[in-house]
Amino acid sequence: MTDNDYRIEDRLETARKEGRPNYALRRMKFAIAVIGLVGSVTLMLTWHGGSLAGALVVEGVYLATALWLVVRFAPRDGGDD
């Protein structure tokens, strides 16, 4: 058994001990991120005035939710073949 085989087996055993992921929480986070993204895009595209601070908050929410969704669904493999 090589060192790499041991590490893979150790990770699998650790994953089994931790149990099942909380899928309900994942779905909730995803739904909140999508609602935030759609809401902030709508506000950003239909903003008709007001304060610059409000516009920056909307822009920040848009960027944060978009970045979270990109990172969440990015491929997990290195892609270096």
N, C-alpha and C. Protein backbone atom coordinates (compact mmCIF):
# COMPACT_ATOMS: atom_id res chain seq x y z
N MET A 1 0.85 -1.18 0.00
CA MET A 1 0.00 0.00 0.00
C MET A 1 0.89 1.24 0.00
N THR A 2 0.61 2.14 -0.90
CA THR A 2 1.40 3.35 -0.96
C THR A 2 0.84 4.38 0.00
N ASP A 3 1.58 5.45 0.18
CA ASP A 3 1.15 6.52 1.07
C ASP A 3 -0.13 7.17 0.56
N ASN A 4 -0.24 7.32 -0.76
CA ASN A 4 -1.44 7.93 -1.32
C ASN A 4 -2.68 7.07 -1.09
N ASP A 5 -2.54 5.74 -1.19
CA ASP A 5 -3.68 4.85 -0.93
C ASP A 5 -4.16 5.00 0.51
N TYR A 6 -3.24 5.12 1.42
CA TYR A 6 -3.62 5.27 2.82
C TYR A 6 -4.42 6.55 3.02
N ARG A 7 -3.97 7.61 2.41
CA ARG A 7 -4.66 8.89 2.58
C ARG A 7 -6.07 8.85 2.02
N ILE A 8 -6.26 8.20 0.87
CA ILE A 8 -7.60 8.10 0.28
C ILE A 8 -8.50 7.29 1.21
N GLU A 9 -8.01 6.16 1.71
CA GLU A 9 -8.81 5.34 2.60
C GLU A 9 -9.13 6.08 3.90
N ASP A 10 -8.17 6.83 4.40
CA ASP A 10 -8.39 7.60 5.63
C ASP A 10 -9.48 8.65 5.42
N ARG A 11 -9.45 9.33 4.26
CA ARG A 11 -10.47 10.34 3.97
C ARG A 11 -11.83 9.71 3.83
N LEU A 12 -11.93 8.54 3.20
CA LEU A 12 -13.22 7.87 3.04
C LEU A 12 -13.79 7.47 4.40
N GLU A 13 -12.93 6.97 5.26
CA GLU A 13 -13.39 6.57 6.59
C GLU A 13 -13.85 7.78 7.40
N THR A 14 -13.13 8.89 7.28
CA THR A 14 -13.52 10.12 7.98
C THR A 14 -14.87 10.61 7.46
N ALA A 15 -15.07 10.53 6.16
CA ALA A 15 -16.34 10.97 5.57
C ALA A 15 -17.49 10.10 6.06
N ARG A 16 -17.25 8.82 6.20
CA ARG A 16 -18.30 7.93 6.71
C ARG A 16 -18.67 8.26 8.15
N LYS A 17 -17.68 8.61 8.96
CA LYS A 17 -17.93 8.93 10.36
C LYS A 17 -18.72 10.22 10.52
N GLU A 18 -18.49 11.18 9.62
CA GLU A 18 -19.16 12.47 9.73
C GLU A 18 -20.64 12.37 9.39
N GLY A 19 -21.05 11.39 8.63
CA GLY A 19 -22.45 11.22 8.31
C GLY A 19 -22.84 11.90 7.01
N ARG A 20 -24.13 11.96 6.81
CA ARG A 20 -24.67 12.51 5.57
C ARG A 20 -24.65 14.03 5.59
N PRO A 21 -24.39 14.66 4.46
CA PRO A 21 -24.45 16.13 4.41
C PRO A 21 -25.88 16.61 4.63
N ASN A 22 -25.99 17.82 5.11
CA ASN A 22 -27.31 18.40 5.36
C ASN A 22 -27.82 19.03 4.07
N TYR A 23 -28.57 18.23 3.30
CA TYR A 23 -29.03 18.70 2.00
C TYR A 23 -30.09 19.78 2.12
N ALA A 24 -30.90 19.75 3.15
CA ALA A 24 -31.92 20.79 3.33
C ALA A 24 -31.26 22.16 3.52
N LEU A 25 -30.19 22.19 4.30
CA LEU A 25 -29.46 23.44 4.52
C LEU A 25 -28.81 23.91 3.22
N ARG A 26 -28.26 22.99 2.46
CA ARG A 26 -27.66 23.36 1.17
C ARG A 26 -28.70 23.95 0.23
N ARG A 27 -29.88 23.33 0.17
CA ARG A 27 -30.94 23.86 -0.69
C ARG A 27 -31.39 25.24 -0.23
N MET A 28 -31.47 25.43 1.07
CA MET A 28 -31.89 26.72 1.61
C MET A 28 -30.88 27.80 1.25
N LYS A 29 -29.60 27.52 1.42
CA LYS A 29 -28.56 28.49 1.06
C LYS A 29 -28.61 28.82 -0.42
N PHE A 30 -28.80 27.79 -1.24
CA PHE A 30 -28.86 28.00 -2.68
C PHE A 30 -30.07 28.86 -3.04
N ALA A 31 -31.22 28.58 -2.44
CA ALA A 31 -32.42 29.36 -2.73
C ALA A 31 -32.24 30.82 -2.31
N ILE A 32 -31.65 31.05 -1.16
CA ILE A 32 -31.41 32.42 -0.70
C ILE A 32 -30.44 33.14 -1.65
N ALA A 33 -29.40 32.44 -2.10
CA ALA A 33 -28.44 33.05 -3.02
C ALA A 33 -29.10 33.39 -4.35
N VAL A 34 -29.94 32.51 -4.86
CA VAL A 34 -30.60 32.77 -6.13
C VAL A 34 -31.59 33.93 -5.99
N ILE A 35 -32.34 33.95 -4.90
CA ILE A 35 -33.27 35.07 -4.67
C ILE A 35 -32.51 36.38 -4.53
N GLY A 36 -31.40 36.36 -3.82
CA GLY A 36 -30.58 37.56 -3.68
C GLY A 36 -30.01 38.02 -5.01
N LEU A 37 -29.57 37.07 -5.82
CA LEU A 37 -29.01 37.41 -7.13
C LEU A 37 -30.08 38.01 -8.04
N VAL A 38 -31.22 37.37 -8.13
CA VAL A 38 -32.29 37.87 -9.00
C VAL A 38 -32.81 39.21 -8.49
N GLY A 39 -33.00 39.34 -7.19
CA GLY A 39 -33.47 40.61 -6.63
C GLY A 39 -32.48 41.74 -6.84
N SER A 40 -31.21 41.47 -6.63
CA SER A 40 -30.23 42.54 -6.79
C SER A 40 -30.04 42.91 -8.26
N VAL A 41 -30.13 41.94 -9.17
CA VAL A 41 -30.06 42.26 -10.59
C VAL A 41 -31.25 43.11 -11.00
N THR A 42 -32.43 42.75 -10.52
CA THR A 42 -33.63 43.53 -10.83
C THR A 42 -33.50 44.95 -10.33
N LEU A 43 -33.06 45.12 -9.10
CA LEU A 43 -32.87 46.46 -8.56
C LEU A 43 -31.79 47.23 -9.31
N MET A 44 -30.71 46.53 -9.65
CA MET A 44 -29.60 47.19 -10.32
C MET A 44 -30.03 47.69 -11.70
N LEU A 45 -30.84 46.90 -12.41
CA LEU A 45 -31.25 47.29 -13.75
C LEU A 45 -32.39 48.30 -13.76
N THR A 46 -33.13 48.41 -12.67
CA THR A 46 -34.28 49.32 -12.65
C THR A 46 -34.08 50.48 -11.68
N TRP A 47 -32.85 50.71 -11.24
CA TRP A 47 -32.59 51.77 -10.26
C TRP A 47 -32.80 53.13 -10.91
N HIS A 48 -33.67 53.96 -10.33
CA HIS A 48 -34.01 55.25 -10.93
C HIS A 48 -33.55 56.44 -10.12
N GLY A 49 -32.81 56.23 -9.13
CA GLY A 49 -32.34 57.37 -8.35
C GLY A 49 -32.10 56.95 -6.92
N GLY A 50 -32.05 57.92 -6.07
CA GLY A 50 -31.77 57.63 -4.68
C GLY A 50 -30.32 57.90 -4.37
N SER A 51 -29.84 57.23 -3.38
CA SER A 51 -28.49 57.50 -2.92
C SER A 51 -27.48 56.58 -3.58
N LEU A 52 -26.28 57.04 -3.61
CA LEU A 52 -25.19 56.23 -4.14
C LEU A 52 -24.91 55.05 -3.20
N ALA A 53 -25.10 55.25 -1.92
CA ALA A 53 -24.86 54.17 -0.95
C ALA A 53 -25.81 53.01 -1.19
N GLY A 54 -27.06 53.31 -1.48
CA GLY A 54 -28.03 52.25 -1.77
C GLY A 54 -27.66 51.48 -3.02
N ALA A 55 -27.22 52.20 -4.04
CA ALA A 55 -26.80 51.54 -5.28
C ALA A 55 -25.58 50.64 -5.03
N LEU A 56 -24.67 51.09 -4.19
CA LEU A 56 -23.48 50.28 -3.89
C LEU A 56 -23.84 49.03 -3.09
N VAL A 57 -24.82 49.14 -2.21
CA VAL A 57 -25.27 47.96 -1.44
C VAL A 57 -25.87 46.93 -2.39
N VAL A 58 -26.71 47.40 -3.32
CA VAL A 58 -27.31 46.49 -4.29
C VAL A 58 -26.23 45.83 -5.13
N GLU A 59 -25.26 46.60 -5.58
CA GLU A 59 -24.15 46.06 -6.36
C GLU A 59 -23.35 45.04 -5.55
N GLY A 60 -23.12 45.32 -4.28
CA GLY A 60 -22.39 44.39 -3.42
C GLY A 60 -23.13 43.08 -3.24
N VAL A 61 -24.45 43.14 -3.05
CA VAL A 61 -25.25 41.91 -2.91
C VAL A 61 -25.17 41.11 -4.21
N TYR A 62 -25.27 41.80 -5.33
CA TYR A 62 -25.19 41.12 -6.63
C TYR A 62 -23.84 40.42 -6.78
N LEU A 63 -22.77 41.11 -6.51
CA LEU A 63 -21.44 40.52 -6.68
C LEU A 63 -21.21 39.37 -5.70
N ALA A 64 -21.65 39.53 -4.47
CA ALA A 64 -21.44 38.47 -3.47
C ALA A 64 -22.21 37.21 -3.83
N THR A 65 -23.47 37.35 -4.22
CA THR A 65 -24.25 36.16 -4.54
C THR A 65 -23.76 35.52 -5.84
N ALA A 66 -23.39 36.33 -6.83
CA ALA A 66 -22.88 35.76 -8.07
C ALA A 66 -21.58 35.00 -7.83
N LEU A 67 -20.69 35.57 -7.02
CA LEU A 67 -19.43 34.90 -6.72
C LEU A 67 -19.67 33.61 -5.96
N TRP A 68 -20.60 33.62 -5.01
CA TRP A 68 -20.89 32.41 -4.24
C TRP A 68 -21.41 31.31 -5.15
N LEU A 69 -22.31 31.67 -6.07
CA LEU A 69 -22.85 30.67 -6.98
C LEU A 69 -21.78 30.13 -7.93
N VAL A 70 -20.89 30.98 -8.39
CA VAL A 70 -19.81 30.53 -9.28
C VAL A 70 -18.90 29.57 -8.53
N VAL A 71 -18.52 29.91 -7.33
CA VAL A 71 -17.64 29.05 -6.54
C VAL A 71 -18.35 27.75 -6.18
N ARG A 72 -19.62 27.83 -5.89
CA ARG A 72 -20.40 26.65 -5.50
C ARG A 72 -20.47 25.63 -6.63
N PHE A 73 -20.62 26.10 -7.85
CA PHE A 73 -20.80 25.18 -8.97
C PHE A 73 -19.56 25.05 -9.85
N ALA A 74 -18.44 25.51 -9.38
CA ALA A 74 -17.19 25.35 -10.13
C ALA A 74 -16.79 23.88 -10.11
N PRO A 75 -16.15 23.40 -11.16
CA PRO A 75 -15.70 22.01 -11.15
C PRO A 75 -14.68 21.79 -10.03
N ARG A 76 -14.77 20.66 -9.37
CA ARG A 76 -13.90 20.40 -8.23
C ARG A 76 -12.57 19.78 -8.62
N ASP A 77 -12.49 19.22 -9.83
CA ASP A 77 -11.22 18.64 -10.22
C ASP A 77 -10.27 19.72 -10.72
N GLY A 78 -9.00 19.43 -10.70
CA GLY A 78 -8.00 20.42 -11.09
C GLY A 78 -8.02 20.75 -12.56
N GLY A 79 -8.42 19.81 -13.39
CA GLY A 79 -8.45 20.04 -14.82
C GLY A 79 -7.10 20.02 -15.48
N ASP A 80 -6.05 19.70 -14.74
CA ASP A 80 -4.69 19.65 -15.30
C ASP A 80 -4.40 18.22 -15.73
N ASP A 81 -4.68 17.94 -16.98
CA ASP A 81 -4.43 16.57 -17.48
C ASP A 81 -3.14 16.49 -18.23
